C-alpha atoms as a PDB file:
ATOM      1  CA  MET A   1     -12.948  36.363  24.341  1.00  0.00           C
ATOM      2  CA  SER A   2     -10.028  35.915  27.222  1.00  0.00           C
ATOM      3  CA  GLU A   3     -10.850  37.445  30.355  1.00  0.00           C
ATOM      4  CA  THR A   4      -8.196  40.546  30.637  1.00  0.00           C
ATOM      5  CA  GLY A   5      -5.365  40.479  32.982  1.00  0.00           C
ATOM      6  CA  ASN A   6      -5.438  36.513  31.905  1.00  0.00           C
ATOM      7  CA  TYR A   7      -1.980  37.372  29.760  1.00  0.00           C
ATOM      8  CA  SER A   8      -0.193  38.706  32.741  1.00  0.00           C
ATOM      9  CA  LYS A   9      -1.576  36.183  35.463  1.00  0.00           C
ATOM     10  CA  SER A  10      -0.288  33.702  33.514  1.00  0.00           C
ATOM     11  CA  ARG A  11       3.150  34.623  33.677  1.00  0.00           C
ATOM     12  CA  ILE A  12       3.344  35.566  37.435  1.00  0.00           C
ATOM     13  CA  THR A  13       3.059  33.976  40.643  1.00  0.00           C
ATOM     14  CA  ASN A  14       2.220  34.316  44.276  1.00  0.00           C
ATOM     15  CA  ILE A  15       5.838  33.566  45.907  1.00  0.00           C
ATOM     16  CA  PRO A  16       6.974  36.104  47.657  1.00  0.00           C
ATOM     17  CA  ALA A  17      10.122  37.135  48.178  1.00  0.00           C
ATOM     18  CA  ASP A  18      12.864  35.536  50.313  1.00  0.00           C
ATOM     19  CA  LEU A  19      14.098  38.991  52.158  1.00  0.00           C
ATOM     20  CA  GLN A  20      16.963  36.701  54.040  1.00  0.00           C
ATOM     21  CA  SER A  21      18.766  36.408  50.656  1.00  0.00           C
ATOM     22  CA  GLU A  22      21.774  38.066  49.961  1.00  0.00           C
ATOM     23  CA  GLN A  23      20.316  39.143  46.722  1.00  0.00           C
ATOM     24  CA  ALA A  24      17.364  41.271  48.782  1.00  0.00           C
ATOM     25  CA  ARG A  25      19.832  42.536  51.367  1.00  0.00           C
ATOM     26  CA  HIS A  26      21.694  43.833  48.535  1.00  0.00           C
ATOM     27  CA  PHE A  27      18.776  45.651  47.235  1.00  0.00           C
ATOM     28  CA  LYS A  28      17.895  46.817  50.531  1.00  0.00           C
ATOM     29  CA  LYS A  29      21.312  48.450  50.594  1.00  0.00           C
ATOM     30  CA  THR A  30      21.337  49.740  47.187  1.00  0.00           C
ATOM     31  CA  ILE A  31      17.765  50.804  46.276  1.00  0.00           C
ATOM     32  CA  PRO A  32      16.686  53.975  47.728  1.00  0.00           C
ATOM     33  CA  ARG A  33      12.717  53.811  48.881  1.00  0.00           C
ATOM     34  CA  PHE A  34      10.890  57.404  49.709  1.00  0.00           C
ATOM     35  CA  PRO A  35       8.154  57.991  52.006  1.00  0.00           C
ATOM     36  CA  GLU A  36       4.917  56.473  51.057  1.00  0.00           C
ATOM     37  CA  GLU A  37       6.379  54.554  48.246  1.00  0.00           C
ATOM     38  CA  ALA A  38       6.436  50.893  47.668  1.00  0.00           C
ATOM     39  CA  ILE A  39       9.056  48.835  45.845  1.00  0.00           C
ATOM     40  CA  TYR A  40       8.891  45.129  43.830  1.00  0.00           C
ATOM     41  CA  ILE A  41      11.342  43.573  41.678  1.00  0.00           C
ATOM     42  CA  TYR A  42       9.860  40.104  39.872  1.00  0.00           C
ATOM     43  CA  SER A  43      11.622  37.630  38.183  1.00  0.00           C
ATOM     44  CA  PHE A  44      10.528  36.050  35.366  1.00  0.00           C
ATOM     45  CA  LYS A  45      13.620  33.723  35.013  1.00  0.00           C
ATOM     46  CA  GLU A  46      12.523  32.711  38.683  1.00  0.00           C
ATOM     47  CA  GLY A  47       8.828  33.288  38.668  1.00  0.00           C
ATOM     48  CA  ARG A  48       8.437  35.135  41.996  1.00  0.00           C
ATOM     49  CA  MET A  49       9.393  38.205  43.626  1.00  0.00           C
ATOM     50  CA  LEU A  50      13.335  38.756  44.049  1.00  0.00           C
ATOM     51  CA  TYR A  51      13.131  41.907  46.525  1.00  0.00           C
ATOM     52  CA  ALA A  52       9.595  44.193  47.642  1.00  0.00           C
ATOM     53  CA  ASP A  53      10.120  47.108  50.295  1.00  0.00           C
ATOM     54  CA  GLY A  54       7.635  49.569  51.726  1.00  0.00           C
ATOM     55  CA  TRP A  55       4.232  47.782  51.153  1.00  0.00           C
ATOM     56  CA  GLU A  56       3.326  47.591  54.707  1.00  0.00           C
ATOM     57  CA  GLU A  57       3.356  51.262  54.734  1.00  0.00           C
ATOM     58  CA  ILE A  58       1.207  51.796  51.900  1.00  0.00           C
ATOM     59  CA  LEU A  59      -1.107  48.891  51.536  1.00  0.00           C
ATOM     60  CA  GLY A  60      -0.537  47.096  54.885  1.00  0.00           C
ATOM     61  CA  TYR A  61       0.877  44.150  53.468  1.00  0.00           C
ATOM     62  CA  LYS A  62       4.381  43.077  55.394  1.00  0.00           C
ATOM     63  CA  ASP A  63       7.159  42.861  52.509  1.00  0.00           C
ATOM     64  CA  ASP A  64       7.963  39.087  52.962  1.00  0.00           C
ATOM     65  CA  GLU A  65       4.092  38.007  52.059  1.00  0.00           C
ATOM     66  CA  ILE A  66       3.216  40.677  49.213  1.00  0.00           C
ATOM     67  CA  SER A  67       3.690  38.771  46.225  1.00  0.00           C
ATOM     68  CA  MET A  68       3.261  39.815  41.788  1.00  0.00           C
ATOM     69  CA  MET A  69      -0.470  38.195  41.736  1.00  0.00           C
ATOM     70  CA  THR A  70      -1.250  40.066  44.959  1.00  0.00           C
ATOM     71  CA  ILE A  71      -0.416  43.453  43.631  1.00  0.00           C
ATOM     72  CA  VAL A  72      -2.250  43.010  40.461  1.00  0.00           C
ATOM     73  CA  SER A  73      -5.475  41.208  41.987  1.00  0.00           C
ATOM     74  CA  ILE A  74      -5.955  44.421  44.626  1.00  0.00           C
ATOM     75  CA  THR A  75      -6.665  46.837  42.114  1.00  0.00           C
ATOM     76  CA  THR A  76     -10.260  48.432  43.157  1.00  0.00           C
ATOM     77  CA  PRO A  77     -13.061  47.325  40.965  1.00  0.00           C
ATOM     78  CA  GLU A  78     -13.866  50.326  38.723  1.00  0.00           C
ATOM     79  CA  TYR A  79     -10.023  50.304  37.675  1.00  0.00           C
ATOM     80  CA  ALA A  80      -9.149  46.495  37.654  1.00  0.00           C
ATOM     81  CA  PRO A  81     -10.516  46.215  33.836  1.00  0.00           C
ATOM     82  CA  PHE A  82      -8.406  49.055  32.623  1.00  0.00           C
ATOM     83  CA  SER A  83      -5.313  47.910  34.384  1.00  0.00           C
ATOM     84  CA  ASN A  84      -5.533  44.532  33.725  1.00  0.00           C
ATOM     85  CA  GLU A  85      -5.588  45.047  30.279  1.00  0.00           C
ATOM     86  CA  LEU A  86      -3.213  47.870  30.275  1.00  0.00           C
ATOM     87  CA  ASN A  87      -0.512  45.581  31.849  1.00  0.00           C
ATOM     88  CA  ASP A  88      -2.100  42.990  29.573  1.00  0.00           C
ATOM     89  CA  LYS A  89      -0.913  44.569  26.180  1.00  0.00           C
ATOM     90  CA  ALA A  90       2.349  46.683  27.596  1.00  0.00           C
ATOM     91  CA  LEU A  91       3.613  43.341  28.440  1.00  0.00           C
ATOM     92  CA  GLN A  92       2.854  41.863  25.401  1.00  0.00           C
ATOM     93  CA  PHE A  93       4.333  44.646  23.551  1.00  0.00           C
ATOM     94  CA  ILE A  94       7.719  44.524  25.711  1.00  0.00           C
ATOM     95  CA  LEU A  95       7.718  40.980  25.555  1.00  0.00           C
ATOM     96  CA  ASN A  96       8.057  41.412  21.850  1.00  0.00           C
ATOM     97  CA  LYS A  97      10.822  43.679  21.912  1.00  0.00           C
ATOM     98  CA  THR A  98      14.639  42.693  21.779  1.00  0.00           C
ATOM     99  CA  GLU A  99      16.736  45.720  22.516  1.00  0.00           C
ATOM    100  CA  GLU A 100      16.844  48.131  24.610  1.00  0.00           C
ATOM    101  CA  LEU A 101      14.731  46.669  26.906  1.00  0.00           C
ATOM    102  CA  GLU A 102      15.884  48.401  30.226  1.00  0.00           C
ATOM    103  CA  LYS A 103      14.755  51.479  28.847  1.00  0.00           C
ATOM    104  CA  TYR A 104      11.015  50.640  28.245  1.00  0.00           C
ATOM    105  CA  SER A 105       8.648  51.532  30.997  1.00  0.00           C
ATOM    106  CA  PHE A 106       4.863  52.463  31.896  1.00  0.00           C
ATOM    107  CA  THR A 107       2.913  54.351  34.455  1.00  0.00           C
ATOM    108  CA  ILE A 108      -0.660  54.487  35.501  1.00  0.00           C
ATOM    109  CA  GLU A 109      -2.584  56.517  38.143  1.00  0.00           C
ATOM    110  CA  LEU A 110      -5.079  53.737  40.061  1.00  0.00           C
ATOM    111  CA  LYS A 111      -6.398  52.802  43.403  1.00  0.00           C
ATOM    112  CA  LYS A 112      -5.314  49.569  45.070  1.00  0.00           C
ATOM    113  CA  MET A 113      -7.302  48.096  47.931  1.00  0.00           C
ATOM    114  CA  HIS A 114      -5.320  48.115  51.429  1.00  0.00           C
ATOM    115  CA  LYS A 115      -5.440  45.218  53.321  1.00  0.00           C
ATOM    116  CA  ASN A 116      -7.705  47.109  55.845  1.00  0.00           C
ATOM    117  CA  GLY A 117     -10.267  47.905  52.987  1.00  0.00           C
ATOM    118  CA  THR A 118     -10.203  50.979  52.102  1.00  0.00           C
ATOM    119  CA  PRO A 119      -8.999  52.302  48.483  1.00  0.00           C
ATOM    120  CA  VAL A 120      -5.280  53.917  48.505  1.00  0.00           C
ATOM    121  CA  PRO A 121      -4.979  56.236  45.300  1.00  0.00           C
ATOM    122  CA  LEU A 122      -1.943  55.518  43.302  1.00  0.00           C
ATOM    123  CA  ILE A 123       0.925  56.753  40.514  1.00  0.00           C
ATOM    124  CA  SER A 124       2.603  53.699  39.688  1.00  0.00           C
ATOM    125  CA  LYS A 125       5.321  52.900  37.612  1.00  0.00           C
ATOM    126  CA  VAL A 126       6.656  49.453  35.860  1.00  0.00           C
ATOM    127  CA  GLY A 127       9.843  49.015  33.820  1.00  0.00           C
ATOM    128  CA  VAL A 128      12.132  46.452  32.813  1.00  0.00           C
ATOM    129  CA  TYR A 129      14.701  45.740  35.302  1.00  0.00           C
ATOM    130  CA  SER A 130      17.006  42.797  33.965  1.00  0.00           C
ATOM    131  CA  SER A 131      17.228  41.093  30.505  1.00  0.00           C
ATOM    132  CA  GLU A 132      18.977  38.203  28.885  1.00  0.00           C
ATOM    133  CA  ASN A 133      19.730  37.788  25.508  1.00  0.00           C
ATOM    134  CA  GLY A 134      16.898  40.152  24.218  1.00  0.00           C
ATOM    135  CA  ARG A 135      14.276  38.335  26.445  1.00  0.00           C
ATOM    136  CA  VAL A 136      12.718  40.577  29.918  1.00  0.00           C
ATOM    137  CA  THR A 137      13.881  38.774  32.936  1.00  0.00           C
ATOM    138  CA  ALA A 138      12.757  40.775  35.655  1.00  0.00           C
ATOM    139  CA  ILE A 139      10.477  43.623  36.150  1.00  0.00           C
ATOM    140  CA  MET A 140      10.448  46.147  38.785  1.00  0.00           C
ATOM    141  CA  GLY A 141       7.243  48.626  40.217  1.00  0.00           C
ATOM    142  CA  HIS A 142       7.601  51.904  42.352  1.00  0.00           C
ATOM    143  CA  SER A 143       4.026  52.560  43.677  1.00  0.00           C
ATOM    144  CA  HIS A 144       3.451  55.684  45.725  1.00  0.00           C
ATOM    145  CA  ILE A 145       0.635  56.897  47.562  1.00  0.00           C
ATOM    146  CA  ASN A 146      -0.521  60.674  45.956  1.00  0.00           C
ATOM    147  CA  ARG A 147      -2.905  62.604  48.031  1.00  0.00           C
ATOM    148  CA  SER A 148      -2.936  65.290  45.465  1.00  0.00           C
ATOM    149  CA  ILE A 149      -4.128  63.750  42.563  1.00  0.00           C
ATOM    150  CA  ASN A 150      -7.787  63.507  41.418  1.00  0.00           C
ATOM    151  CA  LEU A 151      -8.753  60.560  40.220  1.00  0.00           C
ATOM    152  CA  GLY A 152     -11.926  60.445  38.171  1.00  0.00           C
ATOM    153  CA  LYS A 153     -13.590  58.185  36.068  1.00  0.00           C
ATOM    154  CA  VAL A 154     -10.848  58.747  33.283  1.00  0.00           C
ATOM    155  CA  MET A 155      -7.885  56.758  33.675  1.00  0.00           C
ATOM    156  CA  ARG A 156      -4.744  58.064  32.723  1.00  0.00           C
ATOM    157  CA  TYR A 157      -0.800  56.694  31.754  1.00  0.00           C
ATOM    158  CA  ALA A 158       2.159  57.119  30.018  1.00  0.00           C
ATOM    159  CA  ALA A 159       4.088  55.025  28.216  1.00  0.00           C
ATOM    160  CA  TYR A 160       8.225  55.055  27.763  1.00  0.00           C
ATOM    161  CA  GLY A 161      11.321  53.832  25.869  1.00  0.00           C
ATOM    162  CA  PRO A 162      12.627  54.079  22.463  1.00  0.00           C
ATOM    163  CA  ASP A 163       9.726  53.053  20.358  1.00  0.00           C
ATOM    164  CA  LYS A 164       7.764  55.441  22.592  1.00  0.00           C
ATOM    165  CA  SER A 165       5.030  56.783  19.766  1.00  0.00           C
ATOM    166  CA  GLU A 166       4.734  53.031  18.939  1.00  0.00           C
ATOM    167  CA  PHE A 167       4.437  51.944  22.413  1.00  0.00           C
ATOM    168  CA  GLU A 168       1.706  54.451  23.440  1.00  0.00           C
ATOM    169  CA  GLU A 169       0.239  53.925  20.230  1.00  0.00           C
ATOM    170  CA  GLU A 170      -0.330  50.389  20.563  1.00  0.00           C
ATOM    171  CA  LEU A 171      -1.935  51.084  24.081  1.00  0.00           C
ATOM    172  CA  ASN A 172      -4.289  53.738  22.532  1.00  0.00           C
ATOM    173  CA  LYS A 173      -5.722  51.182  20.189  1.00  0.00           C
ATOM    174  CA  GLN A 174      -6.030  48.547  22.425  1.00  0.00           C
ATOM    175  CA  LEU A 175      -7.392  50.435  25.568  1.00  0.00           C
ATOM    176  CA  PHE A 176      -9.872  52.813  22.853  1.00  0.00           C
ATOM    177  CA  GLN A 177     -12.852  50.903  24.995  1.00  0.00           C
ATOM    178  CA  TYR A 178     -12.251  52.647  27.729  1.00  0.00           C
ATOM    179  CA  PHE A 179     -12.617  56.188  29.288  1.00  0.00           C
ATOM    180  CA  ALA A 180      -8.541  56.454  29.122  1.00  0.00           C
ATOM    181  CA  ILE A 181      -6.068  59.199  27.902  1.00  0.00           C
ATOM    182  CA  SER A 182      -2.330  58.788  27.332  1.00  0.00           C
ATOM    183  CA  GLU A 183       0.362  61.687  28.535  1.00  0.00           C
ATOM    184  CA  LYS A 184       0.484  62.554  25.059  1.00  0.00           C
ATOM    185  CA  GLU A 185      -2.756  62.783  24.372  1.00  0.00           C
ATOM    186  CA  LYS A 186      -3.413  64.831  28.180  1.00  0.00           C
ATOM    187  CA  GLU A 187      -0.208  67.119  26.851  1.00  0.00           C
ATOM    188  CA  ALA A 188      -2.018  67.985  23.061  1.00  0.00           C
ATOM    189  CA  LEU A 189      -5.290  68.847  25.043  1.00  0.00           C
ATOM    190  CA  GLY A 190      -3.782  70.721  27.770  1.00  0.00           C
ATOM    191  CA  MET A 191      -2.374  73.292  24.834  1.00  0.00           C
ATOM    192  CA  VAL A 192      -5.816  73.160  23.115  1.00  0.00           C
ATOM    193  CA  ALA A 193      -7.516  74.415  26.339  1.00  0.00           C
ATOM    194  CA  LYS A 194      -4.771  77.160  26.180  1.00  0.00           C
ATOM    195  CA  GLY A 195      -5.932  78.660  22.688  1.00  0.00           C
ATOM    196  CA  PHE A 196      -3.436  77.085  21.010  1.00  0.00           C
ATOM    197  CA  SER A 197      -4.534  75.878  17.661  1.00  0.00           C
ATOM    198  CA  PHE A 198      -3.346  72.251  16.306  1.00  0.00           C
ATOM    199  CA  LYS A 199      -1.208  73.631  13.916  1.00  0.00           C
ATOM    200  CA  GLU A 200       0.601  75.905  16.595  1.00  0.00           C
ATOM    201  CA  ILE A 201       0.702  72.986  18.748  1.00  0.00           C
ATOM    202  CA  ALA A 202       2.342  70.510  16.290  1.00  0.00           C
ATOM    203  CA  GLY A 203       5.169  73.326  15.742  1.00  0.00           C
ATOM    204  CA  LEU A 204       5.636  73.613  19.557  1.00  0.00           C
ATOM    205  CA  LEU A 205       5.965  69.607  20.001  1.00  0.00           C
ATOM    206  CA  ASN A 206       7.870  69.180  16.883  1.00  0.00           C
ATOM    207  CA  VAL A 207       5.530  67.090  15.046  1.00  0.00           C
ATOM    208  CA  THR A 208       2.952  66.922  12.331  1.00  0.00           C
ATOM    209  CA  GLN A 209      -0.219  68.619  12.222  1.00  0.00           C
ATOM    210  CA  SER A 210      -1.348  65.032  11.316  1.00  0.00           C
ATOM    211  CA  ALA A 211      -0.126  64.362  14.588  1.00  0.00           C
ATOM    212  CA  ILE A 212      -1.857  66.093  16.615  1.00  0.00           C
ATOM    213  CA  GLU A 213      -5.163  65.546  15.239  1.00  0.00           C
ATOM    214  CA  LYS A 214      -4.885  62.157  15.742  1.00  0.00           C
ATOM    215  CA  ARG A 215      -3.881  62.214  19.532  1.00  0.00           C
ATOM    216  CA  ILE A 216      -7.181  64.856  19.805  1.00  0.00           C
ATOM    217  CA  LEU A 217      -9.929  63.796  17.528  1.00  0.00           C
ATOM    218  CA  PRO A 218     -10.290  60.336  18.649  1.00  0.00           C
ATOM    219  CA  LEU A 219     -11.186  61.511  22.091  1.00  0.00           C
ATOM    220  CA  TYR A 220     -14.382  62.848  20.605  1.00  0.00           C
ATOM    221  CA  LYS A 221     -15.532  59.099  20.257  1.00  0.00           C
ATOM    222  CA  ARG A 222     -13.991  57.832  23.173  1.00  0.00           C
ATOM    223  CA  PHE A 223     -15.711  60.590  25.418  1.00  0.00           C
ATOM    224  CA  ASN A 224     -18.670  60.643  23.702  1.00  0.00           C
ATOM    225  CA  VAL A 225     -18.625  64.738  23.476  1.00  0.00           C
ATOM    226  CA  LYS A 226     -19.172  66.221  20.137  1.00  0.00           C
ATOM    227  CA  SER A 227     -17.326  69.531  19.893  1.00  0.00           C
ATOM    228  CA  LEU A 228     -14.044  70.806  21.251  1.00  0.00           C
ATOM    229  CA  THR A 229     -15.299  72.837  23.684  1.00  0.00           C
ATOM    230  CA  HIS A 230     -17.236  70.052  25.128  1.00  0.00           C
ATOM    231  CA  LEU A 231     -13.846  67.890  25.173  1.00  0.00           C
ATOM    232  CA  ILE A 232     -11.970  70.934  27.122  1.00  0.00           C
ATOM    233  CA  SER A 233     -15.094  71.182  29.752  1.00  0.00           C
ATOM    234  CA  PHE A 234     -15.541  67.496  30.034  1.00  0.00           C
ATOM    235  CA  ALA A 235     -11.593  67.384  30.609  1.00  0.00           C
ATOM    236  CA  TYR A 236     -11.787  69.634  33.752  1.00  0.00           C
ATOM    237  CA  ASP A 237     -14.640  68.139  34.981  1.00  0.00           C
ATOM    238  CA  ASN A 238     -12.966  64.928  35.075  1.00  0.00           C
ATOM    239  CA  HIS A 239      -9.898  66.267  36.145  1.00  0.00           C
ATOM    240  CA  ILE A 240      -7.666  65.271  33.304  1.00  0.00           C
ATOM    241  CA  LEU A 241      -6.846  68.811  33.756  1.00  0.00           C
ATOM    242  CA  SER A 242      -6.603  71.281  36.225  1.00  0.00           C
ATOM    243  CA  GLN A 243      -7.924  74.975  36.512  1.00  0.00           C
END
């Protein structure tokens, strides 16, 4: 079995952006950045970063030294296996699509290691930036520090795009071995915790009751719980749900 992350790492490089290029200067003028946020654009076509901004502020790396390989490699040890596999599976899914590619993205809550060795809690979003002839040519990432999130031992992620349900279900299937929960699963679980029945949740979300069962019941095995009460307690204890 190949090591997690190999699929993604085989498609990225350690080459940083040339921030003096006309293209990078254009991005600097046209792409807004918020405080405690960092941005990158990576080109699969050119095999290098096209742009980077804000990385010294949040992780200690200068914008002209940060590379795609560095960003992938500095995930903290407890999050690295899950993050690597999520990157692999999401990239495999997106690269198999040929239409409306710029509408696909995913988010993940995790920790990256600052250049000084301290962990930094981040919410990171990666999406397709550009495509040509039905193939992804570049991706864009936004990472921002979120000091308010409580990162327990359960990884949280979400998928977006025209085939959002298929995208998220594929990730759920592949990432089942990890303590992870998708945004869709978290939404349904939060409603269960508020006392709604599966049938009521299905009506509120305009899906079938079977769809809700598929979001909740697999969590029993994933989190090794025996009852719905235990599952809800586990969710609060691990900061999946907030009081």
